[in-house]
C-alpha atoms as a PDB file:
ATOM      1  CA  MET A   1      87.377  74.762  68.600  1.00  0.00           C
ATOM      2  CA  ASN A   2      87.492  74.683  64.805  1.00  0.00           C
ATOM      3  CA  ARG A   3      91.289  74.833  64.923  1.00  0.00           C
ATOM      4  CA  ILE A   4      91.382  71.831  67.251  1.00  0.00           C
ATOM      5  CA  LEU A   5      89.087  69.827  64.980  1.00  0.00           C
ATOM      6  CA  ALA A   6      91.117  70.835  61.931  1.00  0.00           C
ATOM      7  CA  SER A   7      94.332  69.812  63.694  1.00  0.00           C
ATOM      8  CA  LEU A   8      92.868  66.438  64.681  1.00  0.00           C
ATOM      9  CA  ALA A   9      91.655  65.864  61.135  1.00  0.00           C
ATOM     10  CA  ALA A  10      95.107  66.698  59.743  1.00  0.00           C
ATOM     11  CA  VAL A  11      96.800  64.302  62.196  1.00  0.00           C
ATOM     12  CA  ALA A  12      94.328  61.563  61.286  1.00  0.00           C
ATOM     13  CA  LEU A  13      94.960  62.083  57.566  1.00  0.00           C
ATOM     14  CA  LEU A  14      98.718  62.018  58.016  1.00  0.00           C
ATOM     15  CA  ALA A  15      98.752  59.062  60.393  1.00  0.00           C
ATOM     16  CA  GLY A  16      96.091  57.085  58.488  1.00  0.00           C
ATOM     17  CA  PRO A  17      98.358  55.612  55.799  1.00  0.00           C
ATOM     18  CA  ALA A  18     101.009  54.685  58.363  1.00  0.00           C
ATOM     19  CA  LEU A  19      98.483  53.037  60.639  1.00  0.00           C
ATOM     20  CA  GLY A  20      96.774  51.408  57.679  1.00  0.00           C
ATOM     21  CA  SER A  21      99.998  49.798  56.499  1.00  0.00           C
ATOM     22  CA  LEU A  22     100.668  48.471  59.987  1.00  0.00           C
ATOM     23  CA  GLY A  23      97.168  47.077  60.094  1.00  0.00           C
ATOM     24  CA  SER A  24      97.652  45.453  56.704  1.00  0.00           C
ATOM     25  CA  ALA A  25     100.950  43.887  57.751  1.00  0.00           C
ATOM     26  CA  ASP A  26      99.338  42.543  60.915  1.00  0.00           C
ATOM     27  CA  ALA A  27      96.384  41.201  58.970  1.00  0.00           C
ATOM     28  CA  LEU A  28      98.698  39.557  56.431  1.00  0.00           C
ATOM     29  CA  ALA A  29     100.800  37.950  59.172  1.00  0.00           C
ATOM     30  CA  GLN A  30      97.671  36.695  60.903  1.00  0.00           C
ATOM     31  CA  ALA A  31      96.275  35.264  57.661  1.00  0.00           C
ATOM     32  CA  ARG A  32      99.552  33.442  56.998  1.00  0.00           C
ATOM     33  CA  SER A  33      99.552  31.975  60.501  1.00  0.00           C
ATOM     34  CA  LEU A  34      96.029  30.610  59.941  1.00  0.00           C
ATOM     35  CA  GLN A  35      96.977  28.729  56.781  1.00  0.00           C
ATOM     36  CA  PRO A  36      97.682  25.055  57.486  1.00  0.00           C
ATOM     37  CA  ASN A  37     101.235  23.813  57.248  1.00  0.00           C
ATOM     38  CA  PRO A  38     101.283  21.740  54.023  1.00  0.00           C
ATOM     39  CA  ASN A  39     102.935  18.884  55.913  1.00  0.00           C
ATOM     40  CA  GLY A  40     101.550  19.521  59.391  1.00  0.00           C
ATOM     41  CA  PRO A  41      98.399  18.554  61.260  1.00  0.00           C
ATOM     42  CA  GLY A  42      95.310  19.183  59.206  1.00  0.00           C
ATOM     43  CA  ALA A  43      97.146  19.064  55.888  1.00  0.00           C
ATOM     44  CA  GLU A  44      95.390  15.850  54.827  1.00  0.00           C
ATOM     45  CA  GLN A  45      92.017  17.365  55.615  1.00  0.00           C
ATOM     46  CA  ALA A  46      92.860  20.510  53.643  1.00  0.00           C
ATOM     47  CA  ARG A  47      93.930  18.436  50.622  1.00  0.00           C
ATOM     48  CA  ALA A  48      90.795  16.312  50.833  1.00  0.00           C
ATOM     49  CA  ARG A  49      88.649  19.447  50.955  1.00  0.00           C
ATOM     50  CA  GLU A  50      90.465  20.935  47.948  1.00  0.00           C
ATOM     51  CA  GLN A  51      89.958  17.736  45.945  1.00  0.00           C
ATOM     52  CA  MET A  52      86.279  17.551  46.911  1.00  0.00           C
ATOM     53  CA  GLN A  53      85.642  21.207  46.046  1.00  0.00           C
ATOM     54  CA  ALA A  54      87.329  20.673  42.682  1.00  0.00           C
ATOM     55  CA  GLY A  55      84.912  17.802  42.030  1.00  0.00           C
ATOM     56  CA  ARG A  56      87.596  15.108  42.048  1.00  0.00           C
ATOM     57  CA  ASN A  57      86.614  13.417  45.333  1.00  0.00           C
ATOM     58  CA  MET A  58      83.303  12.481  46.872  1.00  0.00           C
ATOM     59  CA  PRO A  59      82.514  14.035  50.251  1.00  0.00           C
ATOM     60  CA  ILE A  60      83.548  11.739  53.096  1.00  0.00           C
ATOM     61  CA  ARG A  61      79.990  11.731  54.486  1.00  0.00           C
ATOM     62  CA  ASP A  62      78.712  10.247  51.204  1.00  0.00           C
ATOM     63  CA  ILE A  63      81.432   7.604  51.319  1.00  0.00           C
ATOM     64  CA  GLU A  64      80.599   6.771  54.940  1.00  0.00           C
ATOM     65  CA  ARG A  65      76.897   6.409  54.025  1.00  0.00           C
ATOM     66  CA  ARG A  66      77.859   3.846  51.385  1.00  0.00           C
ATOM     67  CA  ILE A  67      80.524   1.883  53.272  1.00  0.00           C
ATOM     68  CA  ILE A  68      79.358   1.708  56.902  1.00  0.00           C
ATOM     69  CA  PRO A  69      76.136  -0.232  56.100  1.00  0.00           C
ATOM     70  CA  GLN A  70      78.252  -2.849  54.274  1.00  0.00           C
ATOM     71  CA  MET A  71      80.190  -3.669  57.439  1.00  0.00           C
ATOM     72  CA  GLU A  72      79.119  -6.270  59.985  1.00  0.00           C
ATOM     73  CA  ARG A  73      76.612  -5.292  62.640  1.00  0.00           C
ATOM     74  CA  ASP A  74      79.149  -5.467  65.490  1.00  0.00           C
ATOM     75  CA  ASP A  75      81.747  -3.315  63.727  1.00  0.00           C
ATOM     76  CA  GLU A  76      82.209   0.040  65.430  1.00  0.00           C
ATOM     77  CA  TYR A  77      83.203   2.896  63.128  1.00  0.00           C
ATOM     78  CA  ILE A  78      85.937   5.045  64.706  1.00  0.00           C
ATOM     79  CA  GLY A  79      86.930   7.474  61.945  1.00  0.00           C
ATOM     80  CA  PHE A  80      88.929   7.984  58.783  1.00  0.00           C
ATOM     81  CA  GLU A  81      92.189   9.264  57.317  1.00  0.00           C
ATOM     82  CA  TYR A  82      92.813  10.670  53.860  1.00  0.00           C
ATOM     83  CA  ASP A  83      95.783   9.701  51.685  1.00  0.00           C
ATOM     84  CA  PRO A  84      96.246  12.468  49.099  1.00  0.00           C
ATOM     85  CA  ALA A  85      98.845  10.489  47.142  1.00  0.00           C
ATOM     86  CA  ALA A  86      96.498   7.530  46.648  1.00  0.00           C
ATOM     87  CA  LEU A  87      93.317   9.645  46.487  1.00  0.00           C
ATOM     88  CA  ALA A  88      91.851   7.237  49.021  1.00  0.00           C
ATOM     89  CA  TYR A  89      90.188   7.297  52.405  1.00  0.00           C
ATOM     90  CA  ARG A  90      91.026   4.747  55.072  1.00  0.00           C
ATOM     91  CA  LEU A  91      87.993   4.068  57.234  1.00  0.00           C
ATOM     92  CA  LYS A  92      88.720   2.477  60.608  1.00  0.00           C
ATOM     93  CA  PHE A  93      86.488   0.028  62.436  1.00  0.00           C
ATOM     94  CA  ILE A  94      86.858  -2.071  65.588  1.00  0.00           C
ATOM     95  CA  ARG A  95      85.557  -5.647  65.658  1.00  0.00           C
ATOM     96  CA  GLU A  96      86.034  -7.791  68.753  1.00  0.00           C
ATOM     97  CA  GLY A  97      88.965  -5.648  69.897  1.00  0.00           C
ATOM     98  CA  ARG A  98      90.757  -5.735  66.553  1.00  0.00           C
ATOM     99  CA  VAL A  99      91.153  -2.842  64.131  1.00  0.00           C
ATOM    100  CA  ILE A 100      89.875  -3.220  60.578  1.00  0.00           C
ATOM    101  CA  TRP A 101      90.992  -0.752  57.901  1.00  0.00           C
ATOM    102  CA  VAL A 102      88.887  -0.276  54.810  1.00  0.00           C
ATOM    103  CA  ASP A 103      90.640   1.583  51.990  1.00  0.00           C
ATOM    104  CA  VAL A 104      88.149   3.358  49.730  1.00  0.00           C
ATOM    105  CA  ASP A 105      88.683   5.177  46.430  1.00  0.00           C
ATOM    106  CA  ALA A 106      87.856   8.836  47.180  1.00  0.00           C
ATOM    107  CA  ARG A 107      86.515   9.411  43.662  1.00  0.00           C
ATOM    108  CA  THR A 108      84.154   6.436  43.343  1.00  0.00           C
ATOM    109  CA  ALA A 109      83.627   5.099  46.917  1.00  0.00           C
ATOM    110  CA  ARG A 110      84.757   1.678  45.662  1.00  0.00           C
ATOM    111  CA  ILE A 111      86.377  -0.498  48.343  1.00  0.00           C
ATOM    112  CA  LEU A 112      89.994  -1.053  47.376  1.00  0.00           C
ATOM    113  CA  ARG A 113      91.156  -3.239  50.256  1.00  0.00           C
ATOM    114  CA  VAL A 114      90.087  -4.517  53.674  1.00  0.00           C
ATOM    115  CA  SER A 115      92.901  -5.159  56.171  1.00  0.00           C
ATOM    116  CA  ARG A 116      92.270  -7.132  59.358  1.00  0.00           C
END
């Protein structure tokens, strides 16, 4: 019985590094696959998050709390996009079937432009 246990322990010690390296390679491949494509879907959100965490941009929820009350009562807020090149959010509203875009500075929440 002791010989069997000793043999199993020896096999585990010898196989451990090989299995560990396979596990590490798998984990590394999985981690890479979870990272967003810098130009793909979600890239804008990732850039916005990076800028906000670095203290360069305001959180979008703070910007929404400032901008949405300034819009007309019948305007329906439908969402936003982030433009990393301009460091601006584009908030989208619908009024009487027409889309209204409100471009907002991501650093100051100042309205830059309203397009109707």
